[in-house]
């Protein structure tokens, strides 16, 4: 990181990959705020443990994001780094999927690319610097049975990343994505054992990712060292998908 103290917002930042990303950025000297929705005691404990300011709002709500970003910037200053990590899954085979399953994933996983970033990008453009890192998934490219909604949303995240990268490059802003494979998080822990065994059988490294491994990738893309990388999707999947 630069010697100038940077500021960052990590959505979905109190657990799983979001918490790992927030910790990794803080270790590099970044002043980090995190946002969540409904994490309750877990969010309070994370704030106490890390000293990071914790905010609660719905990332799918445009007006809530406007207020949330304003509150964050009042607390830590104008945002240099945005990590769009918030996400949900509603896994079900498509022929059994209802509209609520589809809409929940699209609102949080894809719509939040607009509802959060829209309130941050203007300041980054004015200041001539920004790092935006969006969390995708190996299944954006690979696909996964039972995840047509999630895979479609994450593929949208990668398209959003490339288009915004082209728009923003001339303003000193890089926009990249990280596409994790299966990591040791509560979302993955909820999978049945037989499904997990099948997944691991197809991972050449034969293990789940540690969340900190994903966090370090986010930290790199947010750093000055990654200043010539934009519009890229960094695959971090243990070899589950190559090429």
C-alpha atoms as a PDB file:
ATOM      1  CA  UNK A   1       0.000   0.000   0.000  1.00  0.00           C
ATOM      2  CA  UNK A   2       0.995   3.639  -0.317  1.00  0.00           C
ATOM      3  CA  UNK A   3       2.265   5.544   2.681  1.00  0.00           C
ATOM      4  CA  UNK A   4      -0.851   7.724   2.505  1.00  0.00           C
ATOM      5  CA  UNK A   5      -3.536   6.167   4.650  1.00  0.00           C
ATOM      6  CA  UNK A   6      -6.301   4.782   2.489  1.00  0.00           C
ATOM      7  CA  UNK A   7      -9.925   4.221   3.459  1.00  0.00           C
ATOM      8  CA  UNK A   8     -12.111   1.266   2.512  1.00  0.00           C
ATOM      9  CA  UNK A   9     -15.640  -0.038   2.758  1.00  0.00           C
ATOM     10  CA  UNK A  10     -16.284  -3.787   2.693  1.00  0.00           C
ATOM     11  CA  UNK A  11     -19.909  -4.859   2.295  1.00  0.00           C
ATOM     12  CA  UNK A  12     -20.919  -8.104   3.911  1.00  0.00           C
ATOM     13  CA  UNK A  13     -17.812  -7.468   5.941  1.00  0.00           C
ATOM     14  CA  UNK A  14     -18.420  -9.071   9.341  1.00  0.00           C
ATOM     15  CA  UNK A  15     -18.071 -12.734   8.421  1.00  0.00           C
ATOM     16  CA  UNK A  16     -16.661 -15.094   5.825  1.00  0.00           C
ATOM     17  CA  UNK A  17     -14.766 -13.661   2.884  1.00  0.00           C
ATOM     18  CA  UNK A  18     -15.835 -10.121   3.709  1.00  0.00           C
ATOM     19  CA  UNK A  19     -14.355 -10.277   7.195  1.00  0.00           C
ATOM     20  CA  UNK A  20     -11.168 -11.817   5.798  1.00  0.00           C
ATOM     21  CA  UNK A  21     -10.906  -9.022   3.235  1.00  0.00           C
ATOM     22  CA  UNK A  22     -11.484  -6.354   5.870  1.00  0.00           C
ATOM     23  CA  UNK A  23      -8.793  -7.846   8.110  1.00  0.00           C
ATOM     24  CA  UNK A  24      -6.322  -8.128   5.228  1.00  0.00           C
ATOM     25  CA  UNK A  25      -6.818  -4.488   4.274  1.00  0.00           C
ATOM     26  CA  UNK A  26      -6.459  -3.357   7.881  1.00  0.00           C
ATOM     27  CA  UNK A  27      -3.197  -5.304   8.168  1.00  0.00           C
ATOM     28  CA  UNK A  28      -1.901  -3.195   5.267  1.00  0.00           C
ATOM     29  CA  UNK A  29      -2.683   0.020   7.104  1.00  0.00           C
ATOM     30  CA  UNK A  30      -6.013   0.785   5.473  1.00  0.00           C
ATOM     31  CA  UNK A  31      -8.742   2.343   7.616  1.00  0.00           C
ATOM     32  CA  UNK A  32     -11.663  -0.023   7.064  1.00  0.00           C
ATOM     33  CA  UNK A  33     -15.393   0.216   7.693  1.00  0.00           C
ATOM     34  CA  UNK A  34     -17.693  -2.738   7.206  1.00  0.00           C
ATOM     35  CA  UNK A  35     -21.381  -3.029   6.391  1.00  0.00           C
ATOM     36  CA  UNK A  36     -23.799  -5.862   7.069  1.00  0.00           C
ATOM     37  CA  UNK A  37     -27.492  -6.625   7.312  1.00  0.00           C
ATOM     38  CA  UNK A  38     -28.946  -8.619  10.172  1.00  0.00           C
ATOM     39  CA  UNK A  39     -25.722 -10.056  11.560  1.00  0.00           C
ATOM     40  CA  UNK A  40     -26.650  -8.910  15.062  1.00  0.00           C
ATOM     41  CA  UNK A  41     -24.295 -10.098  17.784  1.00  0.00           C
ATOM     42  CA  UNK A  42     -21.785 -11.348  15.227  1.00  0.00           C
ATOM     43  CA  UNK A  43     -21.448  -7.824  13.826  1.00  0.00           C
ATOM     44  CA  UNK A  44     -21.123  -6.304  17.290  1.00  0.00           C
ATOM     45  CA  UNK A  45     -18.439  -8.832  18.229  1.00  0.00           C
ATOM     46  CA  UNK A  46     -16.521  -8.167  15.004  1.00  0.00           C
ATOM     47  CA  UNK A  47     -16.539  -4.447  15.690  1.00  0.00           C
ATOM     48  CA  UNK A  48     -15.334  -4.908  19.252  1.00  0.00           C
ATOM     49  CA  UNK A  49     -12.594  -7.318  18.212  1.00  0.00           C
ATOM     50  CA  UNK A  50     -11.224  -5.314  15.291  1.00  0.00           C
ATOM     51  CA  UNK A  51     -12.061  -1.746  16.241  1.00  0.00           C
ATOM     52  CA  UNK A  52     -13.546  -1.234  12.793  1.00  0.00           C
ATOM     53  CA  UNK A  53     -16.696   0.900  12.523  1.00  0.00           C
ATOM     54  CA  UNK A  54     -19.672  -1.309  11.662  1.00  0.00           C
ATOM     55  CA  UNK A  55     -22.727  -0.101   9.767  1.00  0.00           C
ATOM     56  CA  UNK A  56     -25.995  -1.841   8.967  1.00  0.00           C
ATOM     57  CA  UNK A  57     -28.059  -1.366   5.841  1.00  0.00           C
ATOM     58  CA  UNK A  58     -29.604  -3.276   2.941  1.00  0.00           C
ATOM     59  CA  UNK A  59     -27.221  -3.161  -0.034  1.00  0.00           C
ATOM     60  CA  UNK A  60     -30.090  -3.807  -2.438  1.00  0.00           C
ATOM     61  CA  UNK A  61     -31.802  -0.549  -1.375  1.00  0.00           C
ATOM     62  CA  UNK A  62     -30.499   2.441  -3.347  1.00  0.00           C
ATOM     63  CA  UNK A  63     -31.541   5.072  -0.811  1.00  0.00           C
ATOM     64  CA  UNK A  64     -30.220   3.047   2.128  1.00  0.00           C
ATOM     65  CA  UNK A  65     -26.880   2.798   0.325  1.00  0.00           C
ATOM     66  CA  UNK A  66     -26.794   6.562  -0.201  1.00  0.00           C
ATOM     67  CA  UNK A  67     -27.235   7.154   3.519  1.00  0.00           C
ATOM     68  CA  UNK A  68     -24.887   4.307   4.436  1.00  0.00           C
ATOM     69  CA  UNK A  69     -22.036   5.565   2.275  1.00  0.00           C
ATOM     70  CA  UNK A  70     -22.520   9.086   3.624  1.00  0.00           C
ATOM     71  CA  UNK A  71     -22.334   7.750   7.198  1.00  0.00           C
ATOM     72  CA  UNK A  72     -19.187   5.755   6.399  1.00  0.00           C
ATOM     73  CA  UNK A  73     -17.439   8.736   4.828  1.00  0.00           C
ATOM     74  CA  UNK A  74     -18.357  10.916   7.794  1.00  0.00           C
ATOM     75  CA  UNK A  75     -16.717   8.314  10.036  1.00  0.00           C
ATOM     76  CA  UNK A  76     -13.510   7.516   8.131  1.00  0.00           C
ATOM     77  CA  UNK A  77     -13.295  10.007   5.270  1.00  0.00           C
ATOM     78  CA  UNK A  78     -13.791   9.791   1.491  1.00  0.00           C
ATOM     79  CA  UNK A  79     -13.562   6.224   0.244  1.00  0.00           C
ATOM     80  CA  UNK A  80     -10.532   5.122  -1.732  1.00  0.00           C
ATOM     81  CA  UNK A  81     -11.385   1.411  -1.822  1.00  0.00           C
ATOM     82  CA  UNK A  82     -14.698  -0.394  -2.209  1.00  0.00           C
ATOM     83  CA  UNK A  83     -15.046  -4.149  -1.813  1.00  0.00           C
ATOM     84  CA  UNK A  84     -18.440  -5.317  -3.052  1.00  0.00           C
ATOM     85  CA  UNK A  85     -18.659  -8.598  -1.165  1.00  0.00           C
ATOM     86  CA  UNK A  86     -22.245  -8.795   0.121  1.00  0.00           C
ATOM     87  CA  UNK A  87     -24.066 -11.792  -1.269  1.00  0.00           C
ATOM     88  CA  UNK A  88     -26.671 -14.445  -0.598  1.00  0.00           C
ATOM     89  CA  UNK A  89     -27.572 -17.753  -2.147  1.00  0.00           C
ATOM     90  CA  UNK A  90     -30.916 -19.481  -2.554  1.00  0.00           C
ATOM     91  CA  UNK A  91     -29.865 -22.812  -4.027  1.00  0.00           C
ATOM     92  CA  UNK A  92     -32.561 -24.895  -5.659  1.00  0.00           C
ATOM     93  CA  UNK A  93     -32.929 -26.708  -8.972  1.00  0.00           C
ATOM     94  CA  UNK A  94     -34.286 -24.316 -11.579  1.00  0.00           C
ATOM     95  CA  UNK A  95     -37.487 -26.253 -12.248  1.00  0.00           C
ATOM     96  CA  UNK A  96     -38.339 -25.821  -8.561  1.00  0.00           C
ATOM     97  CA  UNK A  97     -37.099 -22.237  -8.202  1.00  0.00           C
ATOM     98  CA  UNK A  98     -39.683 -19.588  -7.415  1.00  0.00           C
ATOM     99  CA  UNK A  99     -39.553 -15.880  -8.107  1.00  0.00           C
ATOM    100  CA  UNK A 100     -38.544 -15.067  -4.543  1.00  0.00           C
ATOM    101  CA  UNK A 101     -35.476 -17.330  -4.844  1.00  0.00           C
ATOM    102  CA  UNK A 102     -34.458 -15.578  -8.058  1.00  0.00           C
ATOM    103  CA  UNK A 103     -35.151 -12.040  -6.897  1.00  0.00           C
ATOM    104  CA  UNK A 104     -33.365 -12.377  -3.541  1.00  0.00           C
ATOM    105  CA  UNK A 105     -30.103 -13.381  -5.197  1.00  0.00           C
ATOM    106  CA  UNK A 106     -30.329 -10.833  -8.000  1.00  0.00           C
ATOM    107  CA  UNK A 107     -31.077  -7.954  -5.630  1.00  0.00           C
ATOM    108  CA  UNK A 108     -28.212  -8.621  -3.245  1.00  0.00           C
ATOM    109  CA  UNK A 109     -25.564 -10.194  -5.492  1.00  0.00           C
ATOM    110  CA  UNK A 110     -26.042  -8.162  -8.678  1.00  0.00           C
ATOM    111  CA  UNK A 111     -28.164  -5.074  -8.020  1.00  0.00           C
ATOM    112  CA  UNK A 112     -25.795  -4.082  -5.208  1.00  0.00           C
ATOM    113  CA  UNK A 113     -23.088  -3.523  -7.821  1.00  0.00           C
ATOM    114  CA  UNK A 114     -25.145  -0.495  -8.841  1.00  0.00           C
ATOM    115  CA  UNK A 115     -26.765   0.531  -5.566  1.00  0.00           C
ATOM    116  CA  UNK A 116     -23.497   0.685  -3.610  1.00  0.00           C
ATOM    117  CA  UNK A 117     -20.943   1.614  -6.266  1.00  0.00           C
ATOM    118  CA  UNK A 118     -23.055   4.431  -7.694  1.00  0.00           C
ATOM    119  CA  UNK A 119     -22.639   6.357  -4.447  1.00  0.00           C
ATOM    120  CA  UNK A 120     -18.864   5.855  -4.320  1.00  0.00           C
ATOM    121  CA  UNK A 121     -17.701   6.227  -7.916  1.00  0.00           C
ATOM    122  CA  UNK A 122     -18.313   9.974  -8.189  1.00  0.00           C
ATOM    123  CA  UNK A 123     -15.947  10.832  -5.358  1.00  0.00           C
ATOM    124  CA  UNK A 124     -13.296   8.494  -6.716  1.00  0.00           C
ATOM    125  CA  UNK A 125     -13.522  10.176 -10.126  1.00  0.00           C
ATOM    126  CA  UNK A 126     -13.274  13.632  -8.583  1.00  0.00           C
ATOM    127  CA  UNK A 127     -10.170  12.664  -6.596  1.00  0.00           C
ATOM    128  CA  UNK A 128      -8.545  10.747  -9.452  1.00  0.00           C
ATOM    129  CA  UNK A 129      -8.058   7.525  -7.534  1.00  0.00           C
ATOM    130  CA  UNK A 130     -10.022   4.434  -6.641  1.00  0.00           C
ATOM    131  CA  UNK A 131      -9.873   0.690  -6.200  1.00  0.00           C
ATOM    132  CA  UNK A 132     -13.066  -1.325  -6.657  1.00  0.00           C
ATOM    133  CA  UNK A 133     -12.938  -5.063  -6.045  1.00  0.00           C
ATOM    134  CA  UNK A 134     -16.051  -7.133  -6.707  1.00  0.00           C
ATOM    135  CA  UNK A 135     -16.483 -10.650  -5.372  1.00  0.00           C
ATOM    136  CA  UNK A 136     -17.627 -13.076  -8.061  1.00  0.00           C
ATOM    137  CA  UNK A 137     -17.472 -16.882  -7.973  1.00  0.00           C
ATOM    138  CA  UNK A 138     -15.946 -19.779  -9.859  1.00  0.00           C
ATOM    139  CA  UNK A 139     -19.520 -20.671 -10.775  1.00  0.00           C
ATOM    140  CA  UNK A 140     -19.924 -17.485 -12.812  1.00  0.00           C
ATOM    141  CA  UNK A 141     -17.932 -19.229 -15.540  1.00  0.00           C
ATOM    142  CA  UNK A 142     -18.250 -22.866 -14.544  1.00  0.00           C
ATOM    143  CA  UNK A 143     -21.926 -23.035 -13.647  1.00  0.00           C
ATOM    144  CA  UNK A 144     -23.364 -25.202 -10.916  1.00  0.00           C
ATOM    145  CA  UNK A 145     -26.523 -27.265 -10.741  1.00  0.00           C
ATOM    146  CA  UNK A 146     -28.945 -25.693  -8.304  1.00  0.00           C
ATOM    147  CA  UNK A 147     -27.375 -22.262  -8.746  1.00  0.00           C
ATOM    148  CA  UNK A 148     -28.789 -20.791 -11.940  1.00  0.00           C
ATOM    149  CA  UNK A 149     -29.723 -17.639 -10.014  1.00  0.00           C
ATOM    150  CA  UNK A 150     -26.347 -17.349  -8.248  1.00  0.00           C
ATOM    151  CA  UNK A 151     -24.286 -18.226 -11.335  1.00  0.00           C
ATOM    152  CA  UNK A 152     -26.221 -15.724 -13.447  1.00  0.00           C
ATOM    153  CA  UNK A 153     -25.772 -12.973 -10.868  1.00  0.00           C
ATOM    154  CA  UNK A 154     -22.040 -13.599 -10.505  1.00  0.00           C
ATOM    155  CA  UNK A 155     -21.587 -13.660 -14.281  1.00  0.00           C
ATOM    156  CA  UNK A 156     -23.274 -10.263 -14.248  1.00  0.00           C
ATOM    157  CA  UNK A 157     -20.783  -9.082 -11.632  1.00  0.00           C
ATOM    158  CA  UNK A 158     -17.929  -9.914 -13.993  1.00  0.00           C
ATOM    159  CA  UNK A 159     -19.562  -8.094 -16.911  1.00  0.00           C
ATOM    160  CA  UNK A 160     -20.178  -5.085 -14.681  1.00  0.00           C
ATOM    161  CA  UNK A 161     -16.535  -5.188 -13.613  1.00  0.00           C
ATOM    162  CA  UNK A 162     -15.172  -5.098 -17.161  1.00  0.00           C
ATOM    163  CA  UNK A 163     -17.493  -2.335 -18.346  1.00  0.00           C
ATOM    164  CA  UNK A 164     -16.878  -0.095 -15.334  1.00  0.00           C
ATOM    165  CA  UNK A 165     -13.136  -0.701 -15.655  1.00  0.00           C
ATOM    166  CA  UNK A 166     -13.215   0.692 -19.199  1.00  0.00           C
ATOM    167  CA  UNK A 167     -15.205   3.735 -18.108  1.00  0.00           C
ATOM    168  CA  UNK A 168     -13.021   4.460 -15.088  1.00  0.00           C
ATOM    169  CA  UNK A 169      -9.457   3.816 -16.253  1.00  0.00           C
ATOM    170  CA  UNK A 170      -8.885   7.382 -17.351  1.00  0.00           C
ATOM    171  CA  UNK A 171      -9.820   8.622 -13.880  1.00  0.00           C
ATOM    172  CA  UNK A 172      -7.228   6.593 -11.985  1.00  0.00           C
ATOM    173  CA  UNK A 173      -9.739   3.971 -10.867  1.00  0.00           C
ATOM    174  CA  UNK A 174      -9.187   0.255 -11.284  1.00  0.00           C
ATOM    175  CA  UNK A 175     -12.087  -2.192 -11.174  1.00  0.00           C
ATOM    176  CA  UNK A 176     -11.417  -5.893 -10.762  1.00  0.00           C
ATOM    177  CA  UNK A 177     -13.117  -9.046  -9.566  1.00  0.00           C
ATOM    178  CA  UNK A 178     -12.024 -11.986  -7.472  1.00  0.00           C
ATOM    179  CA  UNK A 179     -13.697 -15.302  -8.323  1.00  0.00           C
ATOM    180  CA  UNK A 180     -13.234 -17.655  -5.375  1.00  0.00           C
ATOM    181  CA  UNK A 181     -13.818 -21.334  -5.507  1.00  0.00           C
ATOM    182  CA  UNK A 182     -15.170 -23.091  -2.450  1.00  0.00           C
ATOM    183  CA  UNK A 183     -13.863 -21.586   0.785  1.00  0.00           C
ATOM    184  CA  UNK A 184     -14.220 -22.505   4.430  1.00  0.00           C
ATOM    185  CA  UNK A 185     -17.128 -20.161   5.167  1.00  0.00           C
ATOM    186  CA  UNK A 186     -20.571 -20.559   6.776  1.00  0.00           C
ATOM    187  CA  UNK A 187     -22.180 -20.598   3.307  1.00  0.00           C
ATOM    188  CA  UNK A 188     -20.094 -23.599   2.247  1.00  0.00           C
ATOM    189  CA  UNK A 189     -20.325 -25.272   5.662  1.00  0.00           C
ATOM    190  CA  UNK A 190     -24.074 -25.503   5.125  1.00  0.00           C
ATOM    191  CA  UNK A 191     -23.654 -27.851   2.138  1.00  0.00           C
ATOM    192  CA  UNK A 192     -24.467 -31.537   2.739  1.00  0.00           C
ATOM    193  CA  UNK A 193     -21.439 -33.786   3.253  1.00  0.00           C
ATOM    194  CA  UNK A 194     -22.046 -35.775   0.082  1.00  0.00           C
ATOM    195  CA  UNK A 195     -22.065 -32.602  -2.025  1.00  0.00           C
ATOM    196  CA  UNK A 196     -18.900 -31.351  -0.355  1.00  0.00           C
ATOM    197  CA  UNK A 197     -17.148 -34.663  -1.012  1.00  0.00           C
ATOM    198  CA  UNK A 198     -18.049 -34.377  -4.679  1.00  0.00           C
ATOM    199  CA  UNK A 199     -16.746 -30.820  -4.870  1.00  0.00           C
ATOM    200  CA  UNK A 200     -13.425 -31.638  -3.212  1.00  0.00           C
ATOM    201  CA  UNK A 201     -12.950 -34.605  -5.525  1.00  0.00           C
ATOM    202  CA  UNK A 202     -12.809 -32.111  -8.416  1.00  0.00           C
ATOM    203  CA  UNK A 203     -10.433 -29.611  -6.776  1.00  0.00           C
ATOM    204  CA  UNK A 204      -6.832 -30.430  -7.733  1.00  0.00           C
ATOM    205  CA  UNK A 205      -5.563 -28.975  -4.446  1.00  0.00           C
ATOM    206  CA  UNK A 206      -8.077 -31.234  -2.629  1.00  0.00           C
ATOM    207  CA  UNK A 207      -9.115 -28.677  -0.034  1.00  0.00           C
ATOM    208  CA  UNK A 208     -11.214 -25.617   0.618  1.00  0.00           C
ATOM    209  CA  UNK A 209      -9.672 -22.169   0.459  1.00  0.00           C
ATOM    210  CA  UNK A 210      -8.934 -20.448   3.735  1.00  0.00           C
ATOM    211  CA  UNK A 211     -10.836 -17.114   3.833  1.00  0.00           C
ATOM    212  CA  UNK A 212      -7.549 -15.313   4.518  1.00  0.00           C
ATOM    213  CA  UNK A 213      -6.230 -16.538   1.162  1.00  0.00           C
ATOM    214  CA  UNK A 214      -9.101 -14.752  -0.575  1.00  0.00           C
ATOM    215  CA  UNK A 215      -8.605 -11.690   1.608  1.00  0.00           C
ATOM    216  CA  UNK A 216      -4.986 -11.378   0.542  1.00  0.00           C
ATOM    217  CA  UNK A 217      -6.051 -11.411  -3.121  1.00  0.00           C
ATOM    218  CA  UNK A 218      -8.499  -8.588  -2.443  1.00  0.00           C
ATOM    219  CA  UNK A 219      -5.750  -6.674  -0.643  1.00  0.00           C
ATOM    220  CA  UNK A 220      -3.410  -7.061  -3.607  1.00  0.00           C
ATOM    221  CA  UNK A 221      -5.964  -5.756  -6.108  1.00  0.00           C
ATOM    222  CA  UNK A 222      -6.631  -2.797  -3.808  1.00  0.00           C
ATOM    223  CA  UNK A 223      -2.935  -1.969  -3.529  1.00  0.00           C
ATOM    224  CA  UNK A 224      -0.724   0.412  -5.482  1.00  0.00           C
ATOM    225  CA  UNK A 225       1.181  -2.650  -6.710  1.00  0.00           C
ATOM    226  CA  UNK A 226      -1.895  -3.620  -8.757  1.00  0.00           C
ATOM    227  CA  UNK A 227      -2.170  -0.232 -10.436  1.00  0.00           C
ATOM    228  CA  UNK A 228      -1.800  -1.665 -13.967  1.00  0.00           C
ATOM    229  CA  UNK A 229      -4.462  -4.342 -13.472  1.00  0.00           C
ATOM    230  CA  UNK A 230      -8.039  -3.452 -14.348  1.00  0.00           C
ATOM    231  CA  UNK A 231     -11.024  -5.249 -15.821  1.00  0.00           C
ATOM    232  CA  UNK A 232      -9.571  -8.563 -14.660  1.00  0.00           C
ATOM    233  CA  UNK A 233     -11.115 -11.485 -12.836  1.00  0.00           C
ATOM    234  CA  UNK A 234      -8.646 -13.237 -10.552  1.00  0.00           C
ATOM    235  CA  UNK A 235      -9.525 -16.941 -10.195  1.00  0.00           C
ATOM    236  CA  UNK A 236      -8.771 -18.337  -6.736  1.00  0.00           C
ATOM    237  CA  UNK A 237     -10.245 -21.814  -6.887  1.00  0.00           C
ATOM    238  CA  UNK A 238      -7.547 -24.404  -6.208  1.00  0.00           C
ATOM    239  CA  UNK A 239      -7.613 -25.486  -9.855  1.00  0.00           C
ATOM    240  CA  UNK A 240     -11.351 -26.282  -9.911  1.00  0.00           C
ATOM    241  CA  UNK A 241     -11.562 -24.320 -13.156  1.00  0.00           C
ATOM    242  CA  UNK A 242      -8.511 -23.634 -15.280  1.00  0.00           C
ATOM    243  CA  UNK A 243      -8.248 -21.447 -18.353  1.00  0.00           C
END
